[in-house]
Amino acid sequence: MSRNILRPIKKLSAAAENIRNENFDFEMEPNGKNELNKLIQTFDTMRAQLKETFELREKYETNRKELIANISHDLKTPITSILGYVEGLEKGIAKTPEKEKQYLETIHSKASYMNQLIEELALFSKLDVNREPFHFESVNIHKFVSDYLEEMEDDLHDKHIQWTLNDENMNVYVLIDRNKLIRVLENIIYNSVKYMNNVAGQINISLTNQEKNVLITISDNGLGVPEEELSAIFSRFYRVDSSRSQGGSGLGLAIAKQIIEAHGGTIWAENNSTGGLIVHFTLKKSEDDRNE
């Protein structure tokens, strides 16, 4: 009886010591069904949960450090350029009005890029801790998307991108925060634009009426994403392989995911069989529309 009591206690003591030293790579198997062995089983379940939490914390910390390194690099490049052009202006290197204008336009462009990076990081941080306010209203989704695309048409045309909207003139209302949904559309569309690999870029948007939701699908004819990375493109701090990176914080799709989930929807992606990436997300219909 003494051995039956002491052995499980020693096993628990050794396990507790391992956990204290942040060693979770072991398993505890109960040798019976008495109360002590039930305690061992419960302790092992806790160990497995602690291991998972610890691994997630380590991954989060690694990703956070990578993000800081990436942001620092992306900020350093334009800052260096701005300093160089400012010094050029101070030393009178730009000797003509045309040259001065070129220098100032470059400084403005680099400063705007830095501002965009900082705004993205600030928005992501607020969304991450649920401190970004949302203002929901019932909106006709066909009109909303159509108006947005018409506003963006000139910019997309300048980038040699053609777009189509297929929604069968759907008259459905959804509950959204207008500004936040515009951010989602911009992040997804300009992520597609960033990785277009041909002159004739194409972006297709379709709206599908479901029972309680509207499904929005955005597809492109760009590079697509390696299959093994599809599940990670919306992850926090995820960034594509540096060989394909086109700058930016790498937070665009992560922000889109946070916003869609705050709307009570889901977002996912798949590769197009003909090439390119397809991003799907859902939005809840407004209560008035559901009751019709």
C-alpha atoms as a PDB file:
ATOM      1  CA  MET A   1       0.000   0.000   0.000  1.00  0.00           C
ATOM      2  CA  SER A   2       2.903   2.298   0.782  1.00  0.00           C
ATOM      3  CA  ARG A   3       4.454   1.644  -2.635  1.00  0.00           C
ATOM      4  CA  ASN A   4       1.113   2.202  -4.372  1.00  0.00           C
ATOM      5  CA  ILE A   5       0.933   5.632  -2.760  1.00  0.00           C
ATOM      6  CA  LEU A   6       4.591   6.683  -2.998  1.00  0.00           C
ATOM      7  CA  ARG A   7       5.197   5.740  -6.639  1.00  0.00           C
ATOM      8  CA  PRO A   8       2.492   8.024  -8.058  1.00  0.00           C
ATOM      9  CA  ILE A   9       3.579  10.810  -5.714  1.00  0.00           C
ATOM     10  CA  LYS A  10       7.193  10.477  -6.877  1.00  0.00           C
ATOM     11  CA  LYS A  11       6.007  10.470 -10.463  1.00  0.00           C
ATOM     12  CA  LEU A  12       4.024  13.661  -9.854  1.00  0.00           C
ATOM     13  CA  SER A  13       6.978  15.253  -8.068  1.00  0.00           C
ATOM     14  CA  ALA A  14       9.327  14.467 -10.978  1.00  0.00           C
ATOM     15  CA  ALA A  15       6.764  15.798 -13.470  1.00  0.00           C
ATOM     16  CA  ALA A  16       6.342  19.011 -11.480  1.00  0.00           C
ATOM     17  CA  GLU A  17      10.121  19.485 -11.492  1.00  0.00           C
ATOM     18  CA  ASN A  18      10.220  19.007 -15.276  1.00  0.00           C
ATOM     19  CA  ILE A  19       7.461  21.570 -15.772  1.00  0.00           C
ATOM     20  CA  ARG A  20       9.244  24.013 -13.437  1.00  0.00           C
ATOM     21  CA  ASN A  21      12.255  23.715 -15.757  1.00  0.00           C
ATOM     22  CA  GLU A  22       9.973  24.252 -18.812  1.00  0.00           C
ATOM     23  CA  ASN A  23      10.472  20.682 -19.990  1.00  0.00           C
ATOM     24  CA  PHE A  24       7.160  19.368 -21.327  1.00  0.00           C
ATOM     25  CA  ASP A  25       8.471  16.540 -23.521  1.00  0.00           C
ATOM     26  CA  PHE A  26       7.307  13.610 -21.441  1.00  0.00           C
ATOM     27  CA  GLU A  27       4.129  11.680 -20.796  1.00  0.00           C
ATOM     28  CA  MET A  28       2.579  10.332 -17.638  1.00  0.00           C
ATOM     29  CA  GLU A  29       0.544   7.151 -17.889  1.00  0.00           C
ATOM     30  CA  PRO A  30      -1.590   6.055 -14.914  1.00  0.00           C
ATOM     31  CA  ASN A  31      -1.140   2.459 -13.747  1.00  0.00           C
ATOM     32  CA  GLY A  32      -4.585   2.023 -12.279  1.00  0.00           C
ATOM     33  CA  LYS A  33      -7.949   3.636 -11.631  1.00  0.00           C
ATOM     34  CA  ASN A  34      -7.599   4.870  -8.081  1.00  0.00           C
ATOM     35  CA  GLU A  35      -7.716   8.539  -7.101  1.00  0.00           C
ATOM     36  CA  LEU A  36      -3.947   9.066  -7.375  1.00  0.00           C
ATOM     37  CA  ASN A  37      -3.846   7.664 -10.889  1.00  0.00           C
ATOM     38  CA  LYS A  38      -6.769   9.872 -11.855  1.00  0.00           C
ATOM     39  CA  LEU A  39      -4.713  12.759 -10.510  1.00  0.00           C
ATOM     40  CA  ILE A  40      -1.773  11.644 -12.706  1.00  0.00           C
ATOM     41  CA  GLN A  41      -4.042  11.572 -15.743  1.00  0.00           C
ATOM     42  CA  THR A  42      -5.352  15.057 -14.969  1.00  0.00           C
ATOM     43  CA  PHE A  43      -1.800  16.295 -14.378  1.00  0.00           C
ATOM     44  CA  ASP A  44      -0.681  14.898 -17.748  1.00  0.00           C
ATOM     45  CA  THR A  45      -3.586  16.649 -19.487  1.00  0.00           C
ATOM     46  CA  MET A  46      -2.449  19.882 -17.852  1.00  0.00           C
ATOM     47  CA  ARG A  47       1.122  19.190 -19.003  1.00  0.00           C
ATOM     48  CA  ALA A  48      -0.046  18.765 -22.609  1.00  0.00           C
ATOM     49  CA  GLN A  49      -2.026  22.007 -22.434  1.00  0.00           C
ATOM     50  CA  LEU A  50       0.933  23.852 -20.917  1.00  0.00           C
ATOM     51  CA  LYS A  51       3.178  22.487 -23.677  1.00  0.00           C
ATOM     52  CA  GLU A  52       0.811  23.751 -26.349  1.00  0.00           C
ATOM     53  CA  THR A  53       0.552  27.158 -24.665  1.00  0.00           C
ATOM     54  CA  PHE A  54       4.317  27.377 -24.281  1.00  0.00           C
ATOM     55  CA  GLU A  55       4.884  26.473 -27.956  1.00  0.00           C
ATOM     56  CA  LEU A  56       2.330  29.066 -29.057  1.00  0.00           C
ATOM     57  CA  ARG A  57       4.002  31.664 -26.852  1.00  0.00           C
ATOM     58  CA  GLU A  58       7.399  30.823 -28.326  1.00  0.00           C
ATOM     59  CA  LYS A  59       6.004  31.006 -31.850  1.00  0.00           C
ATOM     60  CA  TYR A  60       4.267  34.315 -31.115  1.00  0.00           C
ATOM     61  CA  GLU A  61       7.460  35.756 -29.652  1.00  0.00           C
ATOM     62  CA  THR A  62       9.509  34.607 -32.660  1.00  0.00           C
ATOM     63  CA  ASN A  63       6.956  36.094 -35.042  1.00  0.00           C
ATOM     64  CA  ARG A  64       6.896  39.325 -33.045  1.00  0.00           C
ATOM     65  CA  LYS A  65      10.670  39.632 -33.306  1.00  0.00           C
ATOM     66  CA  GLU A  66      10.516  38.906 -37.037  1.00  0.00           C
ATOM     67  CA  LEU A  67       7.828  41.557 -37.454  1.00  0.00           C
ATOM     68  CA  ILE A  68       9.900  44.148 -35.605  1.00  0.00           C
ATOM     69  CA  ALA A  69      12.916  43.264 -37.753  1.00  0.00           C
ATOM     70  CA  ASN A  70      10.844  43.519 -40.935  1.00  0.00           C
ATOM     71  CA  ILE A  71       9.212  46.796 -39.913  1.00  0.00           C
ATOM     72  CA  SER A  72      12.599  48.216 -38.885  1.00  0.00           C
ATOM     73  CA  HIS A  73      14.062  47.250 -42.258  1.00  0.00           C
ATOM     74  CA  ASP A  74      11.094  48.642 -44.184  1.00  0.00           C
ATOM     75  CA  LEU A  75      11.258  51.914 -42.252  1.00  0.00           C
ATOM     76  CA  LYS A  76      15.031  52.257 -42.475  1.00  0.00           C
ATOM     77  CA  THR A  77      15.075  52.165 -46.290  1.00  0.00           C
ATOM     78  CA  PRO A  78      12.733  55.145 -46.865  1.00  0.00           C
ATOM     79  CA  ILE A  79      14.253  57.076 -43.947  1.00  0.00           C
ATOM     80  CA  THR A  80      17.698  56.677 -45.527  1.00  0.00           C
ATOM     81  CA  SER A  81      16.312  57.899 -48.850  1.00  0.00           C
ATOM     82  CA  ILE A  82      14.573  60.882 -47.222  1.00  0.00           C
ATOM     83  CA  LEU A  83      17.755  61.893 -45.397  1.00  0.00           C
ATOM     84  CA  GLY A  84      19.729  61.607 -48.617  1.00  0.00           C
ATOM     85  CA  TYR A  85      17.330  63.791 -50.601  1.00  0.00           C
ATOM     86  CA  VAL A  86      17.057  66.364 -47.783  1.00  0.00           C
ATOM     87  CA  GLU A  87      20.865  66.608 -47.663  1.00  0.00           C
ATOM     88  CA  GLY A  88      20.855  66.998 -51.428  1.00  0.00           C
ATOM     89  CA  LEU A  89      18.470  69.928 -51.137  1.00  0.00           C
ATOM     90  CA  GLU A  90      20.511  71.498 -48.320  1.00  0.00           C
ATOM     91  CA  LYS A  91      23.740  71.242 -50.292  1.00  0.00           C
ATOM     92  CA  GLY A  92      22.158  72.636 -53.434  1.00  0.00           C
ATOM     93  CA  ILE A  93      22.653  69.498 -55.514  1.00  0.00           C
ATOM     94  CA  ALA A  94      19.194  70.003 -57.026  1.00  0.00           C
ATOM     95  CA  LYS A  95      20.081  73.104 -58.998  1.00  0.00           C
ATOM     96  CA  THR A  96      16.930  73.417 -61.089  1.00  0.00           C
ATOM     97  CA  PRO A  97      13.269  73.835 -60.093  1.00  0.00           C
ATOM     98  CA  GLU A  98      12.503  70.581 -61.901  1.00  0.00           C
ATOM     99  CA  LYS A  99      15.146  68.729 -59.888  1.00  0.00           C
ATOM    100  CA  GLU A 100      13.919  70.257 -56.625  1.00  0.00           C
ATOM    101  CA  LYS A 101      10.383  69.166 -57.478  1.00  0.00           C
ATOM    102  CA  GLN A 102      11.607  65.640 -58.178  1.00  0.00           C
ATOM    103  CA  TYR A 103      13.425  65.516 -54.838  1.00  0.00           C
ATOM    104  CA  LEU A 104      10.382  66.795 -52.935  1.00  0.00           C
ATOM    105  CA  GLU A 105       8.055  64.326 -54.666  1.00  0.00           C
ATOM    106  CA  THR A 106      10.376  61.472 -53.725  1.00  0.00           C
ATOM    107  CA  ILE A 107      10.513  62.649 -50.106  1.00  0.00           C
ATOM    108  CA  HIS A 108       6.713  62.877 -50.019  1.00  0.00           C
ATOM    109  CA  SER A 109       6.358  59.381 -51.520  1.00  0.00           C
ATOM    110  CA  LYS A 110       8.768  57.807 -49.028  1.00  0.00           C
ATOM    111  CA  ALA A 111       7.132  59.601 -46.080  1.00  0.00           C
ATOM    112  CA  SER A 112       3.673  58.452 -47.210  1.00  0.00           C
ATOM    113  CA  TYR A 113       4.921  54.861 -47.396  1.00  0.00           C
ATOM    114  CA  MET A 114       6.294  55.084 -43.854  1.00  0.00           C
ATOM    115  CA  ASN A 115       3.025  56.549 -42.618  1.00  0.00           C
ATOM    116  CA  GLN A 116       1.108  53.667 -44.182  1.00  0.00           C
ATOM    117  CA  LEU A 117       3.318  51.099 -42.439  1.00  0.00           C
ATOM    118  CA  ILE A 118       2.863  52.789 -39.070  1.00  0.00           C
ATOM    119  CA  GLU A 119      -0.918  53.061 -39.520  1.00  0.00           C
ATOM    120  CA  GLU A 120      -1.153  49.362 -40.405  1.00  0.00           C
ATOM    121  CA  LEU A 121       0.819  48.350 -37.337  1.00  0.00           C
ATOM    122  CA  ALA A 122      -1.285  50.601 -35.091  1.00  0.00           C
ATOM    123  CA  LEU A 123      -4.546  49.228 -36.503  1.00  0.00           C
ATOM    124  CA  PHE A 124      -3.384  45.642 -36.133  1.00  0.00           C
ATOM    125  CA  SER A 125      -2.408  46.258 -32.511  1.00  0.00           C
ATOM    126  CA  LYS A 126      -5.786  47.818 -31.668  1.00  0.00           C
ATOM    127  CA  LEU A 127      -7.688  44.998 -33.364  1.00  0.00           C
ATOM    128  CA  ASP A 128      -5.529  42.443 -31.578  1.00  0.00           C
ATOM    129  CA  VAL A 129      -6.569  43.720 -28.138  1.00  0.00           C
ATOM    130  CA  ASN A 130     -10.178  44.562 -29.136  1.00  0.00           C
ATOM    131  CA  ARG A 131      -9.662  48.300 -28.699  1.00  0.00           C
ATOM    132  CA  GLU A 132     -10.678  49.352 -32.214  1.00  0.00           C
ATOM    133  CA  PRO A 133     -14.304  50.605 -32.276  1.00  0.00           C
ATOM    134  CA  PHE A 134     -16.753  49.294 -34.879  1.00  0.00           C
ATOM    135  CA  HIS A 135     -19.822  51.145 -36.154  1.00  0.00           C
ATOM    136  CA  PHE A 136     -22.199  48.665 -37.779  1.00  0.00           C
ATOM    137  CA  GLU A 137     -25.040  49.563 -40.111  1.00  0.00           C
ATOM    138  CA  SER A 138     -27.287  47.774 -42.583  1.00  0.00           C
ATOM    139  CA  VAL A 139     -25.874  48.246 -46.109  1.00  0.00           C
ATOM    140  CA  ASN A 140     -26.838  47.024 -49.585  1.00  0.00           C
ATOM    141  CA  ILE A 141     -23.797  44.890 -50.357  1.00  0.00           C
ATOM    142  CA  HIS A 142     -24.166  45.066 -54.150  1.00  0.00           C
ATOM    143  CA  LYS A 143     -24.205  48.869 -54.154  1.00  0.00           C
ATOM    144  CA  PHE A 144     -21.418  49.086 -51.583  1.00  0.00           C
ATOM    145  CA  VAL A 145     -18.974  46.858 -53.505  1.00  0.00           C
ATOM    146  CA  SER A 146     -19.961  48.348 -56.860  1.00  0.00           C
ATOM    147  CA  ASP A 147     -19.394  51.925 -55.631  1.00  0.00           C
ATOM    148  CA  TYR A 148     -16.039  50.979 -54.111  1.00  0.00           C
ATOM    149  CA  LEU A 149     -14.798  49.358 -57.332  1.00  0.00           C
ATOM    150  CA  GLU A 150     -15.891  52.333 -59.406  1.00  0.00           C
ATOM    151  CA  GLU A 151     -13.907  54.633 -57.103  1.00  0.00           C
ATOM    152  CA  MET A 152     -10.839  52.395 -57.474  1.00  0.00           C
ATOM    153  CA  GLU A 153     -11.199  51.897 -61.252  1.00  0.00           C
ATOM    154  CA  ASP A 154      -8.737  54.615 -62.305  1.00  0.00           C
ATOM    155  CA  ASP A 155      -6.084  53.431 -59.859  1.00  0.00           C
ATOM    156  CA  LEU A 156      -6.463  49.809 -60.953  1.00  0.00           C
ATOM    157  CA  HIS A 157      -6.416  50.864 -64.606  1.00  0.00           C
ATOM    158  CA  ASP A 158      -3.125  52.711 -64.023  1.00  0.00           C
ATOM    159  CA  LYS A 159      -1.737  49.428 -62.684  1.00  0.00           C
ATOM    160  CA  HIS A 160      -3.012  47.583 -65.799  1.00  0.00           C
ATOM    161  CA  ILE A 161      -5.586  45.683 -63.762  1.00  0.00           C
ATOM    162  CA  GLN A 162      -9.041  44.837 -65.109  1.00  0.00           C
ATOM    163  CA  TRP A 163     -11.872  43.916 -62.748  1.00  0.00           C
ATOM    164  CA  THR A 164     -15.283  42.306 -63.018  1.00  0.00           C
ATOM    165  CA  LEU A 165     -18.169  42.141 -60.541  1.00  0.00           C
ATOM    166  CA  ASN A 166     -20.540  39.192 -60.743  1.00  0.00           C
ATOM    167  CA  ASP A 167     -23.445  39.457 -58.332  1.00  0.00           C
ATOM    168  CA  GLU A 168     -26.568  39.103 -60.488  1.00  0.00           C
ATOM    169  CA  ASN A 169     -27.586  42.560 -59.209  1.00  0.00           C
ATOM    170  CA  MET A 170     -28.226  41.037 -55.790  1.00  0.00           C
ATOM    171  CA  ASN A 171     -30.441  43.190 -53.537  1.00  0.00           C
ATOM    172  CA  VAL A 172     -29.263  41.954 -50.133  1.00  0.00           C
ATOM    173  CA  TYR A 173     -28.404  43.918 -46.981  1.00  0.00           C
ATOM    174  CA  VAL A 174     -25.552  43.034 -44.638  1.00  0.00           C
ATOM    175  CA  LEU A 175     -24.461  44.427 -41.278  1.00  0.00           C
ATOM    176  CA  ILE A 176     -21.037  46.046 -41.683  1.00  0.00           C
ATOM    177  CA  ASP A 177     -18.703  48.805 -40.616  1.00  0.00           C
ATOM    178  CA  ARG A 178     -18.204  50.628 -43.927  1.00  0.00           C
ATOM    179  CA  ASN A 179     -14.669  51.881 -43.310  1.00  0.00           C
ATOM    180  CA  LYS A 180     -13.467  48.561 -41.951  1.00  0.00           C
ATOM    181  CA  LEU A 181     -14.889  46.600 -44.893  1.00  0.00           C
ATOM    182  CA  ILE A 182     -13.226  49.017 -47.314  1.00  0.00           C
ATOM    183  CA  ARG A 183      -9.943  48.202 -45.538  1.00  0.00           C
ATOM    184  CA  VAL A 184     -10.620  44.475 -46.066  1.00  0.00           C
ATOM    185  CA  LEU A 185     -11.296  44.943 -49.790  1.00  0.00           C
ATOM    186  CA  GLU A 186      -8.231  47.145 -50.208  1.00  0.00           C
ATOM    187  CA  ASN A 187      -5.946  44.742 -48.372  1.00  0.00           C
ATOM    188  CA  ILE A 188      -7.096  41.737 -50.378  1.00  0.00           C
ATOM    189  CA  ILE A 189      -7.164  43.473 -53.769  1.00  0.00           C
ATOM    190  CA  TYR A 190      -3.817  45.231 -53.391  1.00  0.00           C
ATOM    191  CA  ASN A 191      -2.261  42.037 -52.094  1.00  0.00           C
ATOM    192  CA  SER A 192      -3.346  40.521 -55.419  1.00  0.00           C
ATOM    193  CA  VAL A 193      -2.011  43.509 -57.352  1.00  0.00           C
ATOM    194  CA  LYS A 194       1.323  43.231 -55.549  1.00  0.00           C
ATOM    195  CA  TYR A 195       1.893  39.705 -56.844  1.00  0.00           C
ATOM    196  CA  MET A 196       0.590  40.006 -60.399  1.00  0.00           C
ATOM    197  CA  ASN A 197       3.071  38.320 -62.720  1.00  0.00           C
ATOM    198  CA  ASN A 198       1.720  39.434 -66.070  1.00  0.00           C
ATOM    199  CA  VAL A 199       0.778  42.631 -67.886  1.00  0.00           C
ATOM    200  CA  ALA A 200      -2.917  41.752 -68.187  1.00  0.00           C
ATOM    201  CA  GLY A 201      -3.847  41.579 -64.513  1.00  0.00           C
ATOM    202  CA  GLN A 202      -7.360  40.400 -63.750  1.00  0.00           C
ATOM    203  CA  ILE A 203      -9.362  40.583 -60.513  1.00  0.00           C
ATOM    204  CA  ASN A 204     -12.819  39.039 -60.314  1.00  0.00           C
ATOM    205  CA  ILE A 205     -15.270  39.743 -57.481  1.00  0.00           C
ATOM    206  CA  SER A 206     -18.438  37.739 -57.001  1.00  0.00           C
ATOM    207  CA  LEU A 207     -21.243  37.908 -54.440  1.00  0.00           C
ATOM    208  CA  THR A 208     -23.272  34.832 -53.536  1.00  0.00           C
ATOM    209  CA  ASN A 209     -26.538  34.940 -51.579  1.00  0.00           C
ATOM    210  CA  GLN A 210     -26.616  32.318 -48.820  1.00  0.00           C
ATOM    211  CA  GLU A 211     -29.245  31.578 -46.178  1.00  0.00           C
ATOM    212  CA  LYS A 212     -27.821  33.764 -43.412  1.00  0.00           C
ATOM    213  CA  ASN A 213     -24.715  35.195 -45.061  1.00  0.00           C
ATOM    214  CA  VAL A 214     -23.365  36.752 -48.203  1.00  0.00           C
ATOM    215  CA  LEU A 215     -20.248  35.070 -49.588  1.00  0.00           C
ATOM    216  CA  ILE A 216     -17.751  37.427 -51.237  1.00  0.00           C
ATOM    217  CA  THR A 217     -15.090  35.884 -53.450  1.00  0.00           C
ATOM    218  CA  ILE A 218     -12.083  37.762 -54.824  1.00  0.00           C
ATOM    219  CA  SER A 219      -9.888  35.930 -57.326  1.00  0.00           C
ATOM    220  CA  ASP A 220      -6.851  36.987 -59.355  1.00  0.00           C
ATOM    221  CA  ASN A 221      -4.523  35.627 -62.028  1.00  0.00           C
ATOM    222  CA  GLY A 222      -1.333  36.306 -60.082  1.00  0.00           C
ATOM    223  CA  LEU A 223       1.316  34.029 -58.635  1.00  0.00           C
ATOM    224  CA  GLY A 224      -0.882  32.205 -56.145  1.00  0.00           C
ATOM    225  CA  VAL A 225       0.503  30.778 -52.906  1.00  0.00           C
ATOM    226  CA  PRO A 226       2.329  27.483 -52.284  1.00  0.00           C
ATOM    227  CA  GLU A 227      -0.189  24.925 -51.023  1.00  0.00           C
ATOM    228  CA  GLU A 228       1.706  24.391 -47.773  1.00  0.00           C
ATOM    229  CA  GLU A 229       1.404  28.119 -46.974  1.00  0.00           C
ATOM    230  CA  LEU A 230      -2.314  28.603 -47.713  1.00  0.00           C
ATOM    231  CA  SER A 231      -3.366  27.957 -44.135  1.00  0.00           C
ATOM    232  CA  ALA A 232      -0.852  30.526 -42.850  1.00  0.00           C
ATOM    233  CA  ILE A 233      -1.459  33.597 -45.021  1.00  0.00           C
ATOM    234  CA  PHE A 234      -3.989  35.055 -42.567  1.00  0.00           C
ATOM    235  CA  SER A 235      -1.902  34.253 -39.497  1.00  0.00           C
ATOM    236  CA  ARG A 236      -0.626  36.946 -37.177  1.00  0.00           C
ATOM    237  CA  PHE A 237       2.681  38.381 -38.329  1.00  0.00           C
ATOM    238  CA  TYR A 238       2.748  36.053 -41.355  1.00  0.00           C
ATOM    239  CA  ARG A 239       4.892  37.272 -44.215  1.00  0.00           C
ATOM    240  CA  VAL A 240       5.510  35.648 -47.584  1.00  0.00           C
ATOM    241  CA  ASP A 241       8.908  34.256 -48.451  1.00  0.00           C
ATOM    242  CA  SER A 242      11.431  37.071 -48.799  1.00  0.00           C
ATOM    243  CA  SER A 243      12.219  36.077 -52.381  1.00  0.00           C
ATOM    244  CA  ARG A 244       8.629  37.016 -53.303  1.00  0.00           C
ATOM    245  CA  SER A 245       8.203  39.884 -50.868  1.00  0.00           C
ATOM    246  CA  GLN A 246       7.263  43.220 -52.371  1.00  0.00           C
ATOM    247  CA  GLY A 247       7.619  45.310 -49.210  1.00  0.00           C
ATOM    248  CA  GLY A 248       4.967  46.242 -46.689  1.00  0.00           C
ATOM    249  CA  SER A 249       4.402  45.073 -43.159  1.00  0.00           C
ATOM    250  CA  GLY A 250       2.932  41.706 -44.057  1.00  0.00           C
ATOM    251  CA  LEU A 251      -0.108  42.525 -41.902  1.00  0.00           C
ATOM    252  CA  GLY A 252      -2.652  43.201 -44.653  1.00  0.00           C
ATOM    253  CA  LEU A 253      -4.348  39.811 -44.739  1.00  0.00           C
ATOM    254  CA  ALA A 254      -4.043  39.384 -40.966  1.00  0.00           C
ATOM    255  CA  ILE A 255      -5.902  42.683 -40.527  1.00  0.00           C
ATOM    256  CA  ALA A 256      -8.538  41.530 -43.031  1.00  0.00           C
ATOM    257  CA  LYS A 257      -9.043  38.354 -41.001  1.00  0.00           C
ATOM    258  CA  GLN A 258      -9.427  40.276 -37.736  1.00  0.00           C
ATOM    259  CA  ILE A 259     -12.005  42.621 -39.270  1.00  0.00           C
ATOM    260  CA  ILE A 260     -14.062  39.844 -40.884  1.00  0.00           C
ATOM    261  CA  GLU A 261     -14.104  37.841 -37.649  1.00  0.00           C
ATOM    262  CA  ALA A 262     -15.194  40.972 -35.756  1.00  0.00           C
ATOM    263  CA  HIS A 263     -18.132  41.061 -38.220  1.00  0.00           C
ATOM    264  CA  GLY A 264     -19.009  37.478 -37.231  1.00  0.00           C
ATOM    265  CA  GLY A 265     -17.799  36.108 -40.563  1.00  0.00           C
ATOM    266  CA  THR A 266     -15.091  33.717 -41.718  1.00  0.00           C
ATOM    267  CA  ILE A 267     -12.283  34.120 -44.245  1.00  0.00           C
ATOM    268  CA  TRP A 268     -10.196  31.544 -46.121  1.00  0.00           C
ATOM    269  CA  ALA A 269      -8.173  31.141 -49.298  1.00  0.00           C
ATOM    270  CA  GLU A 270      -7.407  28.606 -52.012  1.00  0.00           C
ATOM    271  CA  ASN A 271      -5.370  28.506 -55.179  1.00  0.00           C
ATOM    272  CA  ASN A 272      -7.152  28.933 -58.490  1.00  0.00           C
ATOM    273  CA  SER A 273      -6.844  25.867 -60.727  1.00  0.00           C
ATOM    274  CA  THR A 274      -5.990  28.201 -63.628  1.00  0.00           C
ATOM    275  CA  GLY A 275      -3.435  30.141 -61.565  1.00  0.00           C
ATOM    276  CA  GLY A 276      -3.728  32.858 -58.970  1.00  0.00           C
ATOM    277  CA  LEU A 277      -5.304  33.117 -55.544  1.00  0.00           C
ATOM    278  CA  ILE A 278      -8.949  33.023 -54.461  1.00  0.00           C
ATOM    279  CA  VAL A 279      -9.983  34.649 -51.177  1.00  0.00           C
ATOM    280  CA  HIS A 280     -13.441  33.975 -49.747  1.00  0.00           C
ATOM    281  CA  PHE A 281     -15.131  35.687 -46.819  1.00  0.00           C
ATOM    282  CA  THR A 282     -18.644  35.822 -45.420  1.00  0.00           C
ATOM    283  CA  LEU A 283     -20.728  38.650 -43.989  1.00  0.00           C
ATOM    284  CA  LYS A 284     -23.884  38.285 -41.923  1.00  0.00           C
ATOM    285  CA  LYS A 285     -27.117  39.528 -43.402  1.00  0.00           C
ATOM    286  CA  SER A 286     -28.858  42.242 -41.437  1.00  0.00           C
ATOM    287  CA  GLU A 287     -31.840  41.117 -39.358  1.00  0.00           C
ATOM    288  CA  ASP A 288     -34.328  42.887 -41.631  1.00  0.00           C
ATOM    289  CA  ASP A 289     -33.002  41.032 -44.670  1.00  0.00           C
ATOM    290  CA  ARG A 290     -33.095  37.650 -42.897  1.00  0.00           C
ATOM    291  CA  ASN A 291     -36.762  38.124 -41.982  1.00  0.00           C
ATOM    292  CA  GLU A 292     -37.888  38.805 -45.542  1.00  0.00           C
END
